[in-house]
PDB file of N, CA and C in Angstrom:
ATOM      1  N   UNK A   1      47.715  25.378 -56.299  1.00  0.00           N
ATOM      2  CA  UNK A   1      48.745  26.371 -56.074  1.00  0.00           C
ATOM      3  C   UNK A   1      49.795  26.273 -57.171  1.00  0.00           C
ATOM      4  N   UNK A   2      50.504  27.338 -57.380  1.00  0.00           N
ATOM      5  CA  UNK A   2      51.549  27.428 -58.394  1.00  0.00           C
ATOM      6  C   UNK A   2      52.520  26.254 -58.303  1.00  0.00           C
ATOM      7  N   UNK A   3      52.964  25.800 -59.471  1.00  0.00           N
ATOM      8  CA  UNK A   3      53.998  24.770 -59.543  1.00  0.00           C
ATOM      9  C   UNK A   3      55.104  25.265 -60.465  1.00  0.00           C
ATOM     10  N   UNK A   4      56.280  24.730 -60.283  1.00  0.00           N
ATOM     11  CA  UNK A   4      57.428  25.075 -61.115  1.00  0.00           C
ATOM     12  C   UNK A   4      57.963  23.816 -61.778  1.00  0.00           C
ATOM     13  N   UNK A   5      58.141  23.887 -63.081  1.00  0.00           N
ATOM     14  CA  UNK A   5      58.772  22.817 -63.845  1.00  0.00           C
ATOM     15  C   UNK A   5      60.239  23.180 -64.000  1.00  0.00           C
ATOM     16  N   UNK A   6      61.110  22.313 -63.512  1.00  0.00           N
ATOM     17  CA  UNK A   6      62.545  22.498 -63.672  1.00  0.00           C
ATOM     18  C   UNK A   6      63.051  21.508 -64.710  1.00  0.00           C
ATOM     19  N   UNK A   7      63.834  22.014 -65.646  1.00  0.00           N
ATOM     20  CA  UNK A   7      64.502  21.156 -66.623  1.00  0.00           C
ATOM     21  C   UNK A   7      65.998  21.377 -66.436  1.00  0.00           C
ATOM     22  N   UNK A   8      66.699  20.312 -66.097  1.00  0.00           N
ATOM     23  CA  UNK A   8      68.147  20.366 -65.880  1.00  0.00           C
ATOM     24  C   UNK A   8      68.804  19.624 -67.032  1.00  0.00           C
ATOM     25  N   UNK A   9      69.556  20.366 -67.829  1.00  0.00           N
ATOM     26  CA  UNK A   9      70.261  19.781 -68.972  1.00  0.00           C
ATOM     27  C   UNK A   9      71.753  19.807 -68.687  1.00  0.00           C
ATOM     28  N   UNK A  10      72.418  18.731 -69.062  1.00  0.00           N
ATOM     29  CA  UNK A  10      73.865  18.666 -68.894  1.00  0.00           C
ATOM     30  C   UNK A  10      74.495  18.642 -70.283  1.00  0.00           C
ATOM     31  N   UNK A  11      75.344  19.635 -70.522  1.00  0.00           N
ATOM     32  CA  UNK A  11      76.035  19.798 -71.803  1.00  0.00           C
ATOM     33  C   UNK A  11      77.531  19.636 -71.508  1.00  0.00           C
ATOM     34  N   UNK A  12      78.035  18.396 -71.541  1.00  0.00           N
ATOM     35  CA  UNK A  12      79.401  18.148 -71.082  1.00  0.00           C
ATOM     36  C   UNK A  12      80.495  18.768 -71.951  1.00  0.00           C
ATOM     37  N   UNK A  13      80.264  18.871 -73.248  1.00  0.00           N
ATOM     38  CA  UNK A  13      81.290  19.399 -74.149  1.00  0.00           C
ATOM     39  C   UNK A  13      81.174  20.923 -74.223  1.00  0.00           C
ATOM     40  N   UNK A  14      82.194  21.650 -73.764  1.00  0.00           N
ATOM     41  CA  UNK A  14      82.129  23.111 -73.823  1.00  0.00           C
ATOM     42  C   UNK A  14      81.878  23.652 -75.230  1.00  0.00           C
ATOM     43  N   UNK A  15      82.300  22.927 -76.254  1.00  0.00           N
ATOM     44  CA  UNK A  15      82.089  23.375 -77.632  1.00  0.00           C
ATOM     45  C   UNK A  15      80.613  23.377 -78.017  1.00  0.00           C
ATOM     46  N   UNK A  16      79.780  22.549 -77.352  1.00  0.00           N
ATOM     47  CA  UNK A  16      78.343  22.489 -77.646  1.00  0.00           C
ATOM     48  C   UNK A  16      77.542  23.581 -76.934  1.00  0.00           C
ATOM     49  N   UNK A  17      78.109  24.191 -75.903  1.00  0.00           N
ATOM     50  CA  UNK A  17      77.334  25.099 -75.052  1.00  0.00           C
ATOM     51  C   UNK A  17      76.823  26.347 -75.761  1.00  0.00           C
ATOM     52  N   UNK A  18      77.617  27.043 -76.566  1.00  0.00           N
ATOM     53  CA  UNK A  18      77.062  28.222 -77.249  1.00  0.00           C
ATOM     54  C   UNK A  18      75.896  27.873 -78.177  1.00  0.00           C
ATOM     55  N   UNK A  19      76.015  26.789 -78.925  1.00  0.00           N
ATOM     56  CA  UNK A  19      74.930  26.390 -79.834  1.00  0.00           C
ATOM     57  C   UNK A  19      73.699  25.955 -79.043  1.00  0.00           C
ATOM     58  N   UNK A  20      73.904  25.224 -77.948  1.00  0.00           N
ATOM     59  CA  UNK A  20      72.779  24.815 -77.112  1.00  0.00           C
ATOM     60  C   UNK A  20      72.084  26.040 -76.534  1.00  0.00           C
ATOM     61  N   UNK A  21      72.857  26.979 -76.019  1.00  0.00           N
ATOM     62  CA  UNK A  21      72.294  28.191 -75.429  1.00  0.00           C
ATOM     63  C   UNK A  21      71.475  28.969 -76.460  1.00  0.00           C
ATOM     64  N   UNK A  22      72.001  29.113 -77.661  1.00  0.00           N
ATOM     65  CA  UNK A  22      71.281  29.836 -78.719  1.00  0.00           C
ATOM     66  C   UNK A  22      70.011  29.093 -79.123  1.00  0.00           C
ATOM     67  N   UNK A  23      70.098  27.782 -79.277  1.00  0.00           N
ATOM     68  CA  UNK A  23      68.931  26.988 -79.673  1.00  0.00           C
ATOM     69  C   UNK A  23      67.868  27.002 -78.585  1.00  0.00           C
ATOM     70  N   UNK A  24      68.269  26.776 -77.335  1.00  0.00           N
ATOM     71  CA  UNK A  24      67.301  26.713 -76.241  1.00  0.00           C
ATOM     72  C   UNK A  24      66.625  28.067 -76.049  1.00  0.00           C
ATOM     73  N   UNK A  25      67.417  29.135 -76.053  1.00  0.00           N
ATOM     74  CA  UNK A  25      66.861  30.470 -75.835  1.00  0.00           C
ATOM     75  C   UNK A  25      66.146  31.051 -77.034  1.00  0.00           C
ATOM     76  N   UNK A  26      66.568  30.662 -78.226  1.00  0.00           N
ATOM     77  CA  UNK A  26      65.974  31.228 -79.434  1.00  0.00           C
ATOM     78  C   UNK A  26      64.832  30.430 -80.013  1.00  0.00           C
ATOM     79  N   UNK A  27      64.789  29.126 -79.724  1.00  0.00           N
ATOM     80  CA  UNK A  27      63.765  28.260 -80.312  1.00  0.00           C
ATOM     81  C   UNK A  27      62.949  27.511 -79.259  1.00  0.00           C
ATOM     82  N   UNK A  28      63.644  26.691 -78.496  1.00  0.00           N
ATOM     83  CA  UNK A  28      62.970  25.715 -77.639  1.00  0.00           C
ATOM     84  C   UNK A  28      62.110  26.367 -76.551  1.00  0.00           C
ATOM     85  N   UNK A  29      62.707  27.221 -75.734  1.00  0.00           N
ATOM     86  CA  UNK A  29      61.935  27.857 -74.652  1.00  0.00           C
ATOM     87  C   UNK A  29      60.819  28.756 -75.166  1.00  0.00           C
ATOM     88  N   UNK A  30      61.089  29.645 -76.131  1.00  0.00           N
ATOM     89  CA  UNK A  30      59.991  30.495 -76.610  1.00  0.00           C
ATOM     90  C   UNK A  30      58.838  29.690 -77.220  1.00  0.00           C
ATOM     91  N   UNK A  31      59.162  28.612 -77.935  1.00  0.00           N
ATOM     92  CA  UNK A  31      58.115  27.772 -78.529  1.00  0.00           C
ATOM     93  C   UNK A  31      57.260  27.119 -77.442  1.00  0.00           C
ATOM     94  N   UNK A  32      57.915  26.539 -76.454  1.00  0.00           N
ATOM     95  CA  UNK A  32      57.184  25.909 -75.356  1.00  0.00           C
ATOM     96  C   UNK A  32      56.390  26.911 -74.538  1.00  0.00           C
ATOM     97  N   UNK A  33      56.962  28.088 -74.340  1.00  0.00           N
ATOM     98  CA  UNK A  33      56.281  29.128 -73.566  1.00  0.00           C
ATOM     99  C   UNK A  33      54.941  29.483 -74.200  1.00  0.00           C
ATOM    100  N   UNK A  34      54.950  29.684 -75.500  1.00  0.00           N
ATOM    101  CA  UNK A  34      53.704  30.025 -76.206  1.00  0.00           C
ATOM    102  C   UNK A  34      52.753  28.832 -76.277  1.00  0.00           C
ATOM    103  N   UNK A  35      53.283  27.680 -76.596  1.00  0.00           N
ATOM    104  CA  UNK A  35      52.459  26.501 -76.833  1.00  0.00           C
ATOM    105  C   UNK A  35      51.750  26.013 -75.571  1.00  0.00           C
ATOM    106  N   UNK A  36      52.434  26.071 -74.437  1.00  0.00           N
ATOM    107  CA  UNK A  36      51.910  25.449 -73.219  1.00  0.00           C
ATOM    108  C   UNK A  36      51.395  26.442 -72.185  1.00  0.00           C
ATOM    109  N   UNK A  37      51.339  27.698 -72.568  1.00  0.00           N
ATOM    110  CA  UNK A  37      50.729  28.719 -71.713  1.00  0.00           C
ATOM    111  C   UNK A  37      51.365  28.790 -70.321  1.00  0.00           C
ATOM    112  N   UNK A  38      52.696  28.749 -70.290  1.00  0.00           N
ATOM    113  CA  UNK A  38      53.393  28.972 -69.024  1.00  0.00           C
ATOM    114  C   UNK A  38      53.171  30.414 -68.596  1.00  0.00           C
ATOM    115  N   UNK A  39      53.179  30.665 -67.299  1.00  0.00           N
ATOM    116  CA  UNK A  39      53.034  32.038 -66.805  1.00  0.00           C
ATOM    117  C   UNK A  39      54.281  32.858 -67.116  1.00  0.00           C
ATOM    118  N   UNK A  40      55.439  32.272 -66.888  1.00  0.00           N
ATOM    119  CA  UNK A  40      56.726  32.892 -67.198  1.00  0.00           C
ATOM    120  C   UNK A  40      57.804  31.828 -67.079  1.00  0.00           C
ATOM    121  N   UNK A  41      58.999  32.167 -67.535  1.00  0.00           N
ATOM    122  CA  UNK A  41      60.097  31.207 -67.397  1.00  0.00           C
ATOM    123  C   UNK A  41      61.418  31.940 -67.217  1.00  0.00           C
ATOM    124  N   UNK A  42      62.369  31.199 -66.658  1.00  0.00           N
ATOM    125  CA  UNK A  42      63.729  31.667 -66.469  1.00  0.00           C
ATOM    126  C   UNK A  42      64.649  30.559 -66.950  1.00  0.00           C
ATOM    127  N   UNK A  43      65.855  30.933 -67.309  1.00  0.00           N
ATOM    128  CA  UNK A  43      66.846  29.917 -67.630  1.00  0.00           C
ATOM    129  C   UNK A  43      68.231  30.496 -67.436  1.00  0.00           C
ATOM    130  N   UNK A  44      69.185  29.628 -67.232  1.00  0.00           N
ATOM    131  CA  UNK A  44      70.557  30.080 -67.065  1.00  0.00           C
ATOM    132  C   UNK A  44      71.486  28.900 -66.830  1.00  0.00           C
ATOM    133  N   UNK A  45      72.753  29.235 -66.721  1.00  0.00           N
ATOM    134  CA  UNK A  45      73.795  28.230 -66.527  1.00  0.00           C
ATOM    135  C   UNK A  45      74.248  28.226 -65.071  1.00  0.00           C
ATOM    136  N   UNK A  46      74.555  27.065 -64.567  1.00  0.00           N
ATOM    137  CA  UNK A  46      75.024  26.923 -63.193  1.00  0.00           C
ATOM    138  C   UNK A  46      76.334  27.680 -62.993  1.00  0.00           C
ATOM    139  N   UNK A  47      76.411  28.375 -61.895  1.00  0.00           N
ATOM    140  CA  UNK A  47      77.648  29.054 -61.509  1.00  0.00           C
ATOM    141  C   UNK A  47      78.675  28.039 -60.993  1.00  0.00           C
ATOM    142  N   UNK A  48      78.196  26.957 -60.394  1.00  0.00           N
ATOM    143  CA  UNK A  48      79.086  25.969 -59.784  1.00  0.00           C
ATOM    144  C   UNK A  48      79.565  24.895 -60.750  1.00  0.00           C
ATOM    145  N   UNK A  49      78.764  24.594 -61.760  1.00  0.00           N
ATOM    146  CA  UNK A  49      79.122  23.577 -62.750  1.00  0.00           C
ATOM    147  C   UNK A  49      78.720  24.100 -64.123  1.00  0.00           C
ATOM    148  N   UNK A  50      79.661  24.624 -64.898  1.00  0.00           N
ATOM    149  CA  UNK A  50      79.317  25.266 -66.172  1.00  0.00           C
ATOM    150  C   UNK A  50      78.711  24.344 -67.223  1.00  0.00           C
ATOM    151  N   UNK A  51      78.684  23.041 -66.967  1.00  0.00           N
ATOM    152  CA  UNK A  51      78.052  22.129 -67.930  1.00  0.00           C
ATOM    153  C   UNK A  51      76.544  22.020 -67.711  1.00  0.00           C
ATOM    154  N   UNK A  52      76.024  22.605 -66.628  1.00  0.00           N
ATOM    155  CA  UNK A  52      74.615  22.438 -66.266  1.00  0.00           C
ATOM    156  C   UNK A  52      73.804  23.680 -66.630  1.00  0.00           C
ATOM    157  N   UNK A  53      72.756  23.448 -67.390  1.00  0.00           N
ATOM    158  CA  UNK A  53      71.803  24.494 -67.794  1.00  0.00           C
ATOM    159  C   UNK A  53      70.475  24.199 -67.115  1.00  0.00           C
ATOM    160  N   UNK A  54      69.886  25.230 -66.514  1.00  0.00           N
ATOM    161  CA  UNK A  54      68.580  25.099 -65.875  1.00  0.00           C
ATOM    162  C   UNK A  54      67.559  25.955 -66.602  1.00  0.00           C
ATOM    163  N   UNK A  55      66.361  25.409 -66.742  1.00  0.00           N
ATOM    164  CA  UNK A  55      65.208  26.190 -67.193  1.00  0.00           C
ATOM    165  C   UNK A  55      64.104  25.955 -66.173  1.00  0.00           C
ATOM    166  N   UNK A  56      63.408  27.017 -65.828  1.00  0.00           N
ATOM    167  CA  UNK A  56      62.337  26.939 -64.838  1.00  0.00           C
ATOM    168  C   UNK A  56      61.101  27.595 -65.439  1.00  0.00           C
ATOM    169  N   UNK A  57      60.012  26.850 -65.474  1.00  0.00           N
ATOM    170  CA  UNK A  57      58.757  27.325 -66.060  1.00  0.00           C
ATOM    171  C   UNK A  57      57.689  27.380 -64.974  1.00  0.00           C
ATOM    172  N   UNK A  58      57.011  28.511 -64.863  1.00  0.00           N
ATOM    173  CA  UNK A  58      55.952  28.652 -63.869  1.00  0.00           C
ATOM    174  C   UNK A  58      54.629  28.166 -64.447  1.00  0.00           C
ATOM    175  N   UNK A  59      53.984  27.263 -63.703  1.00  0.00           N
ATOM    176  CA  UNK A  59      52.718  26.660 -64.103  1.00  0.00           C
ATOM    177  C   UNK A  59      51.614  27.087 -63.144  1.00  0.00           C
ATOM    178  N   UNK A  60      50.386  27.003 -63.614  1.00  0.00           N
ATOM    179  CA  UNK A  60      49.245  27.294 -62.745  1.00  0.00           C
ATOM    180  C   UNK A  60      49.241  26.360 -61.532  1.00  0.00           C
ATOM    181  N   UNK A  61      49.483  25.073 -61.794  1.00  0.00           N
ATOM    182  CA  UNK A  61      49.538  24.063 -60.737  1.00  0.00           C
ATOM    183  C   UNK A  61      50.155  22.801 -61.329  1.00  0.00           C
ATOM    184  N   UNK A  62      50.349  21.775 -60.517  1.00  0.00           N
ATOM    185  CA  UNK A  62      50.974  20.543 -60.998  1.00  0.00           C
ATOM    186  C   UNK A  62      50.124  19.839 -62.052  1.00  0.00           C
ATOM    187  N   UNK A  63      48.817  19.989 -61.979  1.00  0.00           N
ATOM    188  CA  UNK A  63      47.936  19.382 -62.986  1.00  0.00           C
ATOM    189  C   UNK A  63      48.194  19.970 -64.370  1.00  0.00           C
ATOM    190  N   UNK A  64      48.644  21.215 -64.424  1.00  0.00           N
ATOM    191  CA  UNK A  64      48.999  21.854 -65.695  1.00  0.00           C
ATOM    192  C   UNK A  64      50.118  21.049 -66.374  1.00  0.00           C
ATOM    193  N   UNK A  65      51.115  20.631 -65.600  1.00  0.00           N
ATOM    194  CA  UNK A  65      52.192  19.805 -66.140  1.00  0.00           C
ATOM    195  C   UNK A  65      51.650  18.473 -66.645  1.00  0.00           C
ATOM    196  N   UNK A  66      50.803  17.838 -65.857  1.00  0.00           N
ATOM    197  CA  UNK A  66      50.230  16.549 -66.264  1.00  0.00           C
ATOM    198  C   UNK A  66      49.491  16.671 -67.588  1.00  0.00           C
ATOM    199  N   UNK A  67      48.788  17.779 -67.775  1.00  0.00           N
ATOM    200  CA  UNK A  67      48.058  18.002 -69.028  1.00  0.00           C
ATOM    201  C   UNK A  67      49.023  18.220 -70.190  1.00  0.00           C
ATOM    202  N   UNK A  68      50.095  18.960 -69.947  1.00  0.00           N
ATOM    203  CA  UNK A  68      51.072  19.256 -71.001  1.00  0.00           C
ATOM    204  C   UNK A  68      51.729  17.980 -71.513  1.00  0.00           C
ATOM    205  N   UNK A  69      52.214  17.133 -70.603  1.00  0.00           N
ATOM    206  CA  UNK A  69      52.973  15.955 -71.033  1.00  0.00           C
ATOM    207  C   UNK A  69      52.114  14.923 -71.748  1.00  0.00           C
ATOM    208  N   UNK A  70      50.810  15.080 -71.686  1.00  0.00           N
ATOM    209  CA  UNK A  70      49.907  14.157 -72.378  1.00  0.00           C
ATOM    210  C   UNK A  70      49.617  14.592 -73.811  1.00  0.00           C
ATOM    211  N   UNK A  71      50.192  15.719 -74.249  1.00  0.00           N
ATOM    212  CA  UNK A  71      49.874  16.244 -75.580  1.00  0.00           C
ATOM    213  C   UNK A  71      50.868  15.765 -76.635  1.00  0.00           C
ATOM    214  N   UNK A  72      50.407  15.674 -77.887  1.00  0.00           N
ATOM    215  CA  UNK A  72      51.339  15.348 -78.968  1.00  0.00           C
ATOM    216  C   UNK A  72      52.364  16.462 -79.185  1.00  0.00           C
ATOM    217  N   UNK A  73      52.018  17.696 -78.850  1.00  0.00           N
ATOM    218  CA  UNK A  73      52.957  18.810 -79.000  1.00  0.00           C
ATOM    219  C   UNK A  73      54.157  18.639 -78.062  1.00  0.00           C
ATOM    220  N   UNK A  74      53.891  18.180 -76.851  1.00  0.00           N
ATOM    221  CA  UNK A  74      54.988  17.932 -75.915  1.00  0.00           C
ATOM    222  C   UNK A  74      55.877  16.805 -76.444  1.00  0.00           C
ATOM    223  N   UNK A  75      55.265  15.750 -76.925  1.00  0.00           N
ATOM    224  CA  UNK A  75      56.036  14.637 -77.495  1.00  0.00           C
ATOM    225  C   UNK A  75      56.891  15.118 -78.658  1.00  0.00           C
ATOM    226  N   UNK A  76      56.355  16.023 -79.468  1.00  0.00           N
ATOM    227  CA  UNK A  76      57.112  16.561 -80.606  1.00  0.00           C
ATOM    228  C   UNK A  76      58.298  17.395 -80.128  1.00  0.00           C
ATOM    229  N   UNK A  77      58.109  18.171 -79.066  1.00  0.00           N
ATOM    230  CA  UNK A  77      59.225  18.968 -78.543  1.00  0.00           C
ATOM    231  C   UNK A  77      60.313  18.076 -77.951  1.00  0.00           C
ATOM    232  N   UNK A  78      59.918  17.011 -77.270  1.00  0.00           N
ATOM    233  CA  UNK A  78      60.892  16.057 -76.732  1.00  0.00           C
ATOM    234  C   UNK A  78      61.663  15.405 -77.882  1.00  0.00           C
ATOM    235  N   UNK A  79      60.950  15.017 -78.924  1.00  0.00           N
ATOM    236  CA  UNK A  79      61.593  14.389 -80.085  1.00  0.00           C
ATOM    237  C   UNK A  79      62.551  15.359 -80.768  1.00  0.00           C
ATOM    238  N   UNK A  80      62.166  16.635 -80.861  1.00  0.00           N
ATOM    239  CA  UNK A  80      63.038  17.643 -81.466  1.00  0.00           C
ATOM    240  C   UNK A  80      64.310  17.812 -80.636  1.00  0.00           C
ATOM    241  N   UNK A  81      64.171  17.878 -79.320  1.00  0.00           N
ATOM    242  CA  UNK A  81      65.337  17.985 -78.439  1.00  0.00           C
ATOM    243  C   UNK A  81      66.264  16.793 -78.673  1.00  0.00           C
ATOM    244  N   UNK A  82      65.686  15.602 -78.671  1.00  0.00           N
ATOM    245  CA  UNK A  82      66.474  14.380 -78.823  1.00  0.00           C
ATOM    246  C   UNK A  82      67.161  14.319 -80.184  1.00  0.00           C
ATOM    247  N   UNK A  83      66.447  14.685 -81.240  1.00  0.00           N
ATOM    248  CA  UNK A  83      67.060  14.616 -82.573  1.00  0.00           C
ATOM    249  C   UNK A  83      68.114  15.706 -82.760  1.00  0.00           C
ATOM    250  N   UNK A  84      67.922  16.854 -82.126  1.00  0.00           N
ATOM    251  CA  UNK A  84      68.888  17.944 -82.259  1.00  0.00           C
ATOM    252  C   UNK A  84      70.160  17.659 -81.473  1.00  0.00           C
ATOM    253  N   UNK A  85      70.020  17.132 -80.262  1.00  0.00           N
ATOM    254  CA  UNK A  85      71.170  16.978 -79.375  1.00  0.00           C
ATOM    255  C   UNK A  85      71.598  15.534 -79.148  1.00  0.00           C
ATOM    256  N   UNK A  86      70.773  14.575 -79.567  1.00  0.00           N
ATOM    257  CA  UNK A  86      71.152  13.170 -79.443  1.00  0.00           C
ATOM    258  C   UNK A  86      71.687  12.852 -78.064  1.00  0.00           C
ATOM    259  N   UNK A  87      72.769  12.138 -77.998  1.00  0.00           N
ATOM    260  CA  UNK A  87      73.372  11.785 -76.723  1.00  0.00           C
ATOM    261  C   UNK A  87      74.330  12.834 -76.183  1.00  0.00           C
ATOM    262  N   UNK A  88      74.471  13.962 -76.898  1.00  0.00           N
ATOM    263  CA  UNK A  88      75.420  14.997 -76.451  1.00  0.00           C
ATOM    264  C   UNK A  88      74.901  15.790 -75.259  1.00  0.00           C
ATOM    265  N   UNK A  89      73.584  15.833 -75.081  1.00  0.00           N
ATOM    266  CA  UNK A  89      72.979  16.569 -73.965  1.00  0.00           C
ATOM    267  C   UNK A  89      71.976  15.646 -73.281  1.00  0.00           C
ATOM    268  N   UNK A  90      72.098  15.524 -71.979  1.00  0.00           N
ATOM    269  CA  UNK A  90      71.105  14.768 -71.213  1.00  0.00           C
ATOM    270  C   UNK A  90      70.246  15.761 -70.440  1.00  0.00           C
ATOM    271  N   UNK A  91      69.047  15.323 -70.099  1.00  0.00           N
ATOM    272  CA  UNK A  91      68.162  16.222 -69.361  1.00  0.00           C
ATOM    273  C   UNK A  91      67.258  15.415 -68.450  1.00  0.00           C
ATOM    274  N   UNK A  92      66.771  16.106 -67.432  1.00  0.00           N
ATOM    275  CA  UNK A  92      65.770  15.526 -66.538  1.00  0.00           C
ATOM    276  C   UNK A  92      64.828  16.643 -66.126  1.00  0.00           C
ATOM    277  N   UNK A  93      63.615  16.245 -65.824  1.00  0.00           N
ATOM    278  CA  UNK A  93      62.582  17.208 -65.420  1.00  0.00           C
ATOM    279  C   UNK A  93      62.113  16.890 -64.009  1.00  0.00           C
ATOM    280  N   UNK A  94      61.673  17.946 -63.327  1.00  0.00           N
ATOM    281  CA  UNK A  94      61.039  17.782 -62.024  1.00  0.00           C
ATOM    282  C   UNK A  94      59.993  18.877 -61.886  1.00  0.00           C
ATOM    283  N   UNK A  95      58.931  18.574 -61.167  1.00  0.00           N
ATOM    284  CA  UNK A  95      57.870  19.546 -60.909  1.00  0.00           C
ATOM    285  C   UNK A  95      57.760  19.726 -59.404  1.00  0.00           C
ATOM    286  N   UNK A  96      57.791  20.976 -58.983  1.00  0.00           N
ATOM    287  CA  UNK A  96      57.689  21.316 -57.569  1.00  0.00           C
ATOM    288  C   UNK A  96      56.390  22.084 -57.360  1.00  0.00           C
ATOM    289  N   UNK A  97      55.518  21.540 -56.530  1.00  0.00           N
ATOM    290  CA  UNK A  97      54.285  22.243 -56.156  1.00  0.00           C
ATOM    291  C   UNK A  97      54.628  23.142 -54.975  1.00  0.00           C
ATOM    292  N   UNK A  98      54.483  24.445 -55.159  1.00  0.00           N
ATOM    293  CA  UNK A  98      54.851  25.385 -54.102  1.00  0.00           C
ATOM    294  C   UNK A  98      53.909  25.261 -52.912  1.00  0.00           C
ATOM    295  N   UNK A  99      54.479  25.310 -51.744  1.00  0.00           N
ATOM    296  CA  UNK A  99      53.686  25.284 -50.519  1.00  0.00           C
ATOM    297  C   UNK A  99      53.732  26.621 -49.798  1.00  0.00           C
ATOM    298  N   UNK A 100      54.677  27.469 -50.197  1.00  0.00           N
ATOM    299  CA  UNK A 100      54.825  28.765 -49.552  1.00  0.00           C
ATOM    300  C   UNK A 100      55.647  29.661 -50.463  1.00  0.00           C
ATOM    301  N   UNK A 101      55.443  30.967 -50.362  1.00  0.00           N
ATOM    302  CA  UNK A 101      56.295  31.914 -51.068  1.00  0.00           C
ATOM    303  C   UNK A 101      56.250  33.243 -50.322  1.00  0.00           C
ATOM    304  N   UNK A 102      57.336  33.996 -50.443  1.00  0.00           N
ATOM    305  CA  UNK A 102      57.438  35.298 -49.778  1.00  0.00           C
ATOM    306  C   UNK A 102      57.981  36.297 -50.783  1.00  0.00           C
ATOM    307  N   UNK A 103      57.585  37.535 -50.817  1.00  0.00           N
ATOM    308  CA  UNK A 103      56.455  38.009 -50.016  1.00  0.00           C
ATOM    309  C   UNK A 103      55.156  37.422 -50.536  1.00  0.00           C
ATOM    310  N   UNK A 104      54.199  37.356 -49.684  1.00  0.00           N
ATOM    311  CA  UNK A 104      52.907  36.758 -50.040  1.00  0.00           C
ATOM    312  C   UNK A 104      52.221  37.695 -50.935  1.00  0.00           C
TER     313      UNK A 104
END
């Protein structure tokens, strides 16, 4: 069943947010979308905490994520994120395997 990959990034310095938003939306997400064959993706900033950026990628299933993270391309994207943002942006990932959705 469908799974969703959530990436939660925290950009504490307001001065970094416009550049992060442009980089993530213009480079990082589109590159990953094409490379890893996601079905679709969404991203945006938290309404409750403006330092938090969310990206959500739709996967065929949780095994799709397991296959992605085992690739050198994924490692390269992680390294690019780290070298671009260093300690200024932290991130964490989670994968949710859907058990239900409406409308069916």
